[in-house]
Amino acid sequence: MKKKVLLMGKSGSGKTSMRSIIFANYIARDTRRLGPTIDVEHAHVRFLGNLVLNLWDCGGQEVFMENYFQAQRDTIFSSVEVLIYVFDVSSMECEKDHEYYQSCLEAILSNSPSAKVFCLVHKMDLISEKDRQSVFDGRVSTLKNLSRPIEPICFPTSIWDETLYKAWSSIVYTLVPNVEKLERSLNKFTQIINADEVLLFEKATFLIISHQQQREHQDIHRFEKVSNIIKQFKLSCSKLASQFHSMEVRNSSFAAFIEMFTQNTYVMVIMSDTSTPSESVLLNIRNAKKHFDKLDGVRAGTSNNQLRK
């Protein structure tokens, strides 16, 4: 199953850098060596096994942008599932940026009226921390006015922190087939083993594709931080010619288990009941794996009634 994703924005806004971090395993500091995108770069990214993201990274130089809206309009904007428009929060050319953005929306409405639109207000690390929320809120207000009748979903992002993972997890979530069935099964699994939280990560990117929670937690950004940390740890393992399969973290307050789950996912189980033996949690994960393999279309499996308390 292929899904076309358009990545657009003015030259230098950071489109290729974020794509390289999420899908090509770059680390933030290495993106400095990336050159500007010339015209359109196509990438076919396999996600969750049977989903292929057909990424069109569109160069943002003026000559290319004008061509997209004229000679290439039907080619670029047809059959689009998702449009991601990236705004450089530090850019002094807001007016031109807004003009290009509105031209994109007009072309989307004509050629792919059901496409979802995401706006990423990028390079937020260049704004002082105390001002970030107010700056972002102002940009969102402007973009929503410019977007009517489309209602874009907006995120503040930076390649230097977890905000990039939050935005892209939300974007790919909208593209995952049968996600409701996946979430129902994950919710049942969470209840059966009485976990505080259970998360599913896509294997290659460590983007979060599903999450179930039974107990509140103060840090609303914890999942994206975990995505960032574990992906970097996994990359470090690969550089040492070692495979990352699992991890267990314990202290007096909680136990967390990260395990290879299906062919295409990792699972993270968080328990506040630290008296639960590791072997019991790991056995339940293995039994659940058989059911989620079946959902994943990998092989026939067994049902949740095999899980043990």
Foldseek 3Di string as FASTA:
>chain_A
DEAEEEEEFAWPLCRVLLCCVQQVVDANVVCVPDDFDDAWDWDWGDWLHPYTYTYTYGGHYPVNLVCCLPVVLQVRQARHQEYEYGAALPDPPVVVRLVSVLSSLVSNCVHPVNHAYEYEHEPLVVPPPVCSVVSQVVVQVVVCVSNPPHGHHYFYYYSVALSSLVVVLVVVLVVDPPLVVVQVLLQVLCVQVVFQKKWKAWDQRRRTNYMDGDDDDDDPSVSSRVSVVVNVVQVVQVVVVHGDAKDWDDDQQKIWIWGDAEPTIIMITIHRPVVDDPVLVVVQRNQSSQVVCVVSVNDHGDDNVVRDD
